[in-house]
Amino acid sequence: MANVILTLVVIFSVFNEFFCELMTENEIPRYESADIFGKSPASHLPYEIDLFKLMNVSAKDQGVSQVEGPIKKYPAYKFRLPYGNVPLPNGTLVTGALNSKEGFTVLFLYRQQKNNLGTLISINAPGRLTPWFQLNSNSKSGNLNLRYRTLDSLKLRQVEINLPKHHKKSPMAAWLWLSLSVDYKTSILRLDIDCQPSRYESLSSKNSKTRISIPKDSLVYFRQEPGRKKKFLGSMQVAKILPYFRQARSWSCMEISDNLPTNLVKPIS
């Protein structure tokens, strides 16, 4: 009887450890009994900067229409030519968030038009095309490109990530869930896409800690570069900046892996 009880305790311990690890990766961290951050990027997040609200985006704007996104009862917008509203008003709110002491998080939920090289967000010095920080999505090549500068180097660093292929027969599968988090305590960048394993990059090639360099007078461009280049064409449902580093993705997945069946590749929405 004692052996049976001991076996059950061991099984429970193993299961509990696995479950806790799964929850840590798949769910947003909890503080006591309250989920202080929420489980959806569409939920109101503390100190969030919603780019749609900042720009007063609506279906009344020329080149904008409201569409259905993967998150129910939450507006999504389709952007097409000639829509263009650059640079962002109140851009200091964005640069301030990116310069926060602890780090920052960038959240996007979007579906890009075919064969489009589009900028999600670009931070540039006035009159300069080379960015301080920029995210580009290329639906033709299937790549996501991150470009940034750090305080310890004048060189523009680049990180290129392959975007997941979606099931062409399912329109909702074409939506991409993207989270980019930077932790200034460790100088580590975390990238989460859909339900794939997280990717980590060091901000610096040196051993010392560093930060992404973004001057306060920088201009913020949404879905295009300065000069109205590389315009993003497609739909978006979430575009947010958070002035802190998030230790887990902002959505829940049934499973996280590089090789998932079609019904599990996207987050629960």
Protein backbone atom coordinates (compact mmCIF):
# COMPACT_ATOMS: atom_id res chain seq x y z
CA MET A 1 0.00 0.00 0.00
CA ALA A 2 2.85 2.34 0.89
CA ASN A 3 4.50 1.62 -2.47
CA VAL A 4 1.28 2.48 -4.31
CA ILE A 5 0.94 5.77 -2.44
CA LEU A 6 4.60 6.60 -3.14
CA THR A 7 4.11 5.85 -6.85
CA LEU A 8 1.04 8.11 -6.99
CA VAL A 9 2.94 10.93 -5.28
CA VAL A 10 5.77 10.66 -7.81
CA ILE A 11 3.32 10.65 -10.74
CA PHE A 12 1.52 13.67 -9.32
CA SER A 13 4.79 15.53 -8.81
CA VAL A 14 5.91 14.87 -12.39
CA PHE A 15 2.52 15.88 -13.79
CA ASN A 16 2.44 19.01 -11.64
CA GLU A 17 5.91 20.04 -12.81
CA PHE A 18 4.94 19.48 -16.45
CA PHE A 19 1.65 21.33 -16.02
CA CYS A 20 3.34 24.31 -14.38
CA GLU A 21 5.90 24.46 -17.16
CA LEU A 22 3.14 24.27 -19.77
CA MET A 23 1.18 27.03 -18.07
CA THR A 24 4.27 29.21 -17.83
CA GLU A 25 4.86 28.92 -21.56
CA ASN A 26 1.29 28.87 -22.84
CA GLU A 27 -0.44 31.17 -20.38
CA ILE A 28 0.20 34.72 -19.22
CA PRO A 29 1.96 34.81 -15.81
CA ARG A 30 -0.42 35.15 -12.88
CA TYR A 31 0.02 37.18 -9.73
CA GLU A 32 -1.67 35.45 -6.79
CA SER A 33 -5.18 34.57 -8.09
CA ALA A 34 -5.62 37.45 -10.52
CA ASP A 35 -4.42 37.51 -14.10
CA ILE A 36 -3.15 41.08 -14.14
CA PHE A 37 -2.29 41.14 -17.84
CA GLY A 38 -5.11 39.18 -19.49
CA LYS A 39 -4.86 36.34 -22.01
CA SER A 40 -5.55 38.19 -25.22
CA PRO A 41 -3.64 40.98 -26.96
CA ALA A 42 -7.06 42.54 -27.58
CA SER A 43 -7.78 42.91 -23.84
CA HIS A 44 -6.80 46.17 -22.19
CA LEU A 45 -3.21 45.83 -21.01
CA PRO A 46 -1.69 48.06 -18.31
CA TYR A 47 -0.11 51.25 -19.71
CA GLU A 48 -0.72 50.09 -23.27
CA ILE A 49 -0.30 52.42 -26.24
CA ASP A 50 -2.88 51.40 -28.82
CA LEU A 51 -1.71 52.72 -32.18
CA PHE A 52 -5.23 52.54 -33.64
CA LYS A 53 -6.59 54.75 -30.86
CA LEU A 54 -3.59 57.06 -31.05
CA MET A 55 -4.31 57.64 -34.74
CA ASN A 56 -8.11 57.54 -34.43
CA VAL A 57 -8.30 54.85 -37.11
CA SER A 58 -11.84 54.16 -38.32
CA ALA A 59 -13.67 52.77 -41.34
CA LYS A 60 -14.48 56.38 -42.25
CA ASP A 61 -10.87 57.00 -43.23
CA GLN A 62 -10.07 56.84 -46.94
CA GLY A 63 -8.47 53.50 -47.75
CA VAL A 64 -9.70 51.85 -44.52
CA SER A 65 -12.52 49.36 -44.04
CA GLN A 66 -13.58 47.28 -41.06
CA VAL A 67 -13.20 43.51 -41.42
CA GLU A 68 -13.54 40.39 -39.32
CA GLY A 69 -10.44 39.25 -37.42
CA PRO A 70 -9.62 36.12 -35.43
CA ILE A 71 -10.56 37.78 -32.11
CA LYS A 72 -14.33 37.94 -31.90
CA LYS A 73 -16.19 41.14 -31.06
CA TYR A 74 -13.03 43.23 -31.55
CA PRO A 75 -12.54 45.58 -34.51
CA ALA A 76 -10.07 44.80 -37.27
CA TYR A 77 -9.16 47.13 -40.11
CA LYS A 78 -8.10 46.57 -43.70
CA PHE A 79 -5.59 49.09 -45.05
CA ARG A 80 -5.19 49.73 -48.74
CA LEU A 81 -4.06 52.60 -50.94
CA PRO A 82 -4.26 55.57 -50.64
CA TYR A 83 -4.38 55.42 -46.83
CA GLY A 84 -1.31 57.07 -45.32
CA ASN A 85 -1.07 59.08 -42.13
CA VAL A 86 2.58 59.70 -41.27
CA PRO A 87 4.33 60.38 -39.02
CA LEU A 88 2.35 59.29 -35.99
CA PRO A 89 0.82 62.04 -33.85
CA ASN A 90 2.05 62.02 -30.24
CA GLY A 91 5.00 59.87 -31.28
CA THR A 92 6.71 60.76 -27.99
CA LEU A 93 4.33 58.32 -26.27
CA VAL A 94 5.77 55.49 -28.37
CA THR A 95 9.43 56.53 -28.06
CA GLY A 96 8.93 56.98 -24.32
CA ALA A 97 7.58 53.43 -24.04
CA LEU A 98 10.47 52.02 -26.08
CA ASN A 99 12.91 53.85 -23.82
CA SER A 100 11.40 52.53 -20.59
CA LYS A 101 13.87 51.39 -17.94
CA GLU A 102 12.80 47.73 -17.81
CA GLY A 103 12.18 47.10 -21.52
CA PHE A 104 9.24 47.06 -23.90
CA THR A 105 6.86 44.84 -25.87
CA VAL A 106 5.46 45.31 -29.38
CA LEU A 107 2.27 43.43 -30.31
CA PHE A 108 0.78 42.96 -33.77
CA LEU A 109 -2.00 40.76 -35.10
CA TYR A 110 -2.21 41.10 -38.87
CA ARG A 111 -2.97 39.48 -42.22
CA GLN A 112 -0.78 40.77 -45.02
CA GLN A 113 -1.66 41.10 -48.68
CA LYS A 114 0.18 38.75 -51.06
CA ASN A 115 3.55 39.88 -52.44
CA ASN A 116 3.69 42.90 -50.16
CA LEU A 117 6.82 44.25 -48.48
CA GLY A 118 5.37 46.34 -45.70
CA THR A 119 6.61 48.14 -42.62
CA LEU A 120 4.72 47.47 -39.39
CA ILE A 121 6.48 50.23 -37.43
CA SER A 122 9.54 52.38 -38.06
CA ILE A 123 11.31 54.81 -35.71
CA ASN A 124 13.50 57.32 -37.55
CA ALA A 125 15.42 60.50 -36.89
CA PRO A 126 13.92 63.54 -38.67
CA GLY A 127 15.06 63.59 -42.29
CA ARG A 128 16.82 60.21 -42.06
CA LEU A 129 15.80 56.99 -43.85
CA THR A 130 17.99 54.67 -41.77
CA PRO A 131 15.85 53.63 -38.78
CA TRP A 132 16.63 53.41 -35.09
CA PHE A 133 14.10 50.59 -34.82
CA GLN A 134 12.02 48.95 -37.53
CA LEU A 135 9.87 45.88 -38.18
CA ASN A 136 9.23 44.83 -41.79
CA SER A 137 7.01 41.97 -42.96
CA ASN A 138 7.53 40.51 -46.43
CA SER A 139 4.71 38.23 -47.61
CA LYS A 140 6.50 37.57 -50.91
CA SER A 141 9.68 36.13 -49.40
CA GLY A 142 7.96 34.95 -46.21
CA ASN A 143 10.32 36.81 -43.89
CA LEU A 144 10.08 39.15 -40.92
CA ASN A 145 12.96 41.61 -40.66
CA LEU A 146 13.95 43.45 -37.48
CA ARG A 147 16.43 46.33 -37.68
CA TYR A 148 17.73 48.31 -34.70
CA ARG A 149 20.66 50.21 -33.24
CA THR A 150 22.12 49.84 -29.76
CA LEU A 151 23.91 52.30 -27.50
CA ASP A 152 27.19 50.41 -27.71
CA SER A 153 27.42 50.42 -31.51
CA LEU A 154 26.71 52.68 -34.47
CA LYS A 155 26.12 49.64 -36.67
CA LEU A 156 22.56 48.82 -37.71
CA ARG A 157 21.79 45.29 -36.57
CA GLN A 158 19.38 43.01 -38.43
CA VAL A 159 17.51 39.86 -37.48
CA GLU A 160 15.61 37.91 -40.16
CA ILE A 161 12.98 35.34 -39.24
CA ASN A 162 11.07 32.98 -41.51
CA LEU A 163 7.33 33.48 -41.24
CA PRO A 164 5.13 30.39 -40.87
CA LYS A 165 3.21 29.15 -43.88
CA HIS A 166 -0.55 29.09 -43.44
CA HIS A 167 -3.30 26.84 -44.67
CA LYS A 168 -4.52 28.55 -47.85
CA LYS A 169 -8.08 27.26 -47.53
CA SER A 170 -8.59 28.95 -44.17
CA PRO A 171 -8.74 32.79 -44.25
CA MET A 172 -8.28 33.06 -40.47
CA ALA A 173 -5.09 30.97 -40.67
CA ALA A 174 -3.46 33.77 -42.66
CA TRP A 175 -3.49 36.04 -39.60
CA LEU A 176 -0.12 36.31 -37.88
CA TRP A 177 0.21 36.71 -34.10
CA LEU A 178 3.43 38.57 -33.35
CA SER A 179 5.04 39.69 -30.10
CA LEU A 180 8.49 41.25 -29.78
CA SER A 181 9.73 41.80 -26.20
CA VAL A 182 13.00 43.38 -25.10
CA ASP A 183 14.37 42.84 -21.59
CA TYR A 184 16.94 45.48 -20.67
CA LYS A 185 17.92 43.66 -17.49
CA THR A 186 19.43 40.85 -19.55
CA SER A 187 19.78 42.60 -22.96
CA ILE A 188 17.74 39.75 -24.45
CA LEU A 189 15.15 40.07 -27.20
CA ARG A 190 12.28 37.56 -27.32
CA LEU A 191 10.21 36.97 -30.43
CA ASP A 192 6.94 35.00 -30.42
CA ILE A 193 5.01 34.09 -33.57
CA ASP A 194 1.74 32.13 -33.42
CA CYS A 195 2.30 28.91 -31.44
CA GLN A 196 5.90 28.37 -32.47
CA PRO A 197 8.68 28.11 -29.86
CA SER A 198 10.05 31.47 -28.76
CA ARG A 199 13.17 32.79 -30.42
CA TYR A 200 15.79 34.65 -28.37
CA GLU A 201 18.46 37.08 -29.56
CA SER A 202 21.14 39.00 -27.69
CA LEU A 203 20.98 42.76 -28.23
CA SER A 204 24.74 43.02 -28.33
CA SER A 205 27.56 40.97 -29.76
CA LYS A 206 29.59 41.93 -26.69
CA ASN A 207 29.25 40.50 -23.19
CA SER A 208 28.13 43.79 -21.66
CA LYS A 209 24.47 44.74 -21.35
CA THR A 210 23.07 47.35 -23.70
CA ARG A 211 19.86 49.02 -24.86
CA ILE A 212 18.21 49.87 -28.14
CA SER A 213 19.02 53.48 -28.95
CA ILE A 214 15.95 55.63 -29.69
CA PRO A 215 16.36 59.43 -29.34
CA LYS A 216 13.37 61.25 -27.86
CA ASP A 217 12.94 63.48 -30.91
CA SER A 218 12.55 60.49 -33.26
CA LEU A 219 9.55 60.24 -35.58
CA VAL A 220 7.26 57.21 -35.44
CA TYR A 221 5.85 55.76 -38.65
CA PHE A 222 2.98 53.25 -38.65
CA ARG A 223 2.76 50.67 -41.50
CA GLN A 224 5.24 52.51 -43.71
CA GLU A 225 8.69 54.06 -43.84
CA PRO A 226 9.53 57.76 -44.23
CA GLY A 227 8.72 58.98 -47.71
CA ARG A 228 5.67 56.69 -47.81
CA LYS A 229 7.81 53.71 -48.78
CA LYS A 230 7.19 50.02 -48.05
CA LYS A 231 3.53 50.50 -47.22
CA PHE A 232 1.88 47.63 -45.40
CA LEU A 233 -1.22 46.47 -47.27
CA GLY A 234 -3.59 44.09 -45.55
CA SER A 235 -5.56 43.84 -42.32
CA MET A 236 -4.67 44.45 -38.67
CA GLN A 237 -6.55 43.77 -35.48
CA VAL A 238 -3.93 44.60 -32.84
CA ALA A 239 -1.11 47.17 -32.92
CA LYS A 240 0.15 47.99 -29.42
CA ILE A 241 3.28 49.11 -27.58
CA LEU A 242 3.80 48.22 -23.91
CA PRO A 243 6.42 50.01 -21.76
CA TYR A 244 7.58 46.79 -20.12
CA PHE A 245 8.98 43.37 -20.95
CA ARG A 246 6.51 40.48 -20.96
CA GLN A 247 7.85 37.14 -19.84
CA ALA A 248 5.29 35.14 -21.82
CA ARG A 249 3.34 35.48 -25.02
CA SER A 250 0.11 37.49 -24.94
CA TRP A 251 -2.09 34.65 -26.11
CA SER A 252 -2.77 31.01 -25.26
CA CYS A 253 -1.86 27.94 -27.31
CA MET A 254 -2.99 24.36 -26.94
CA GLU A 255 0.58 23.30 -27.76
CA ILE A 256 3.83 24.99 -28.69
CA SER A 257 6.03 23.30 -31.29
CA ASP A 258 7.66 23.73 -34.70
CA ASN A 259 5.58 20.88 -36.13
CA LEU A 260 1.93 21.28 -35.22
CA PRO A 261 -1.19 19.94 -36.96
CA THR A 262 -3.24 22.52 -38.82
CA ASN A 263 -5.82 22.88 -36.04
CA LEU A 264 -3.18 23.79 -33.44
CA VAL A 265 -0.86 26.18 -35.29
CA LYS A 266 -2.83 29.26 -34.28
CA PRO A 267 -3.57 30.63 -30.78
CA ILE A 268 -6.90 30.14 -29.02
CA SER A 269 -9.17 33.07 -29.90
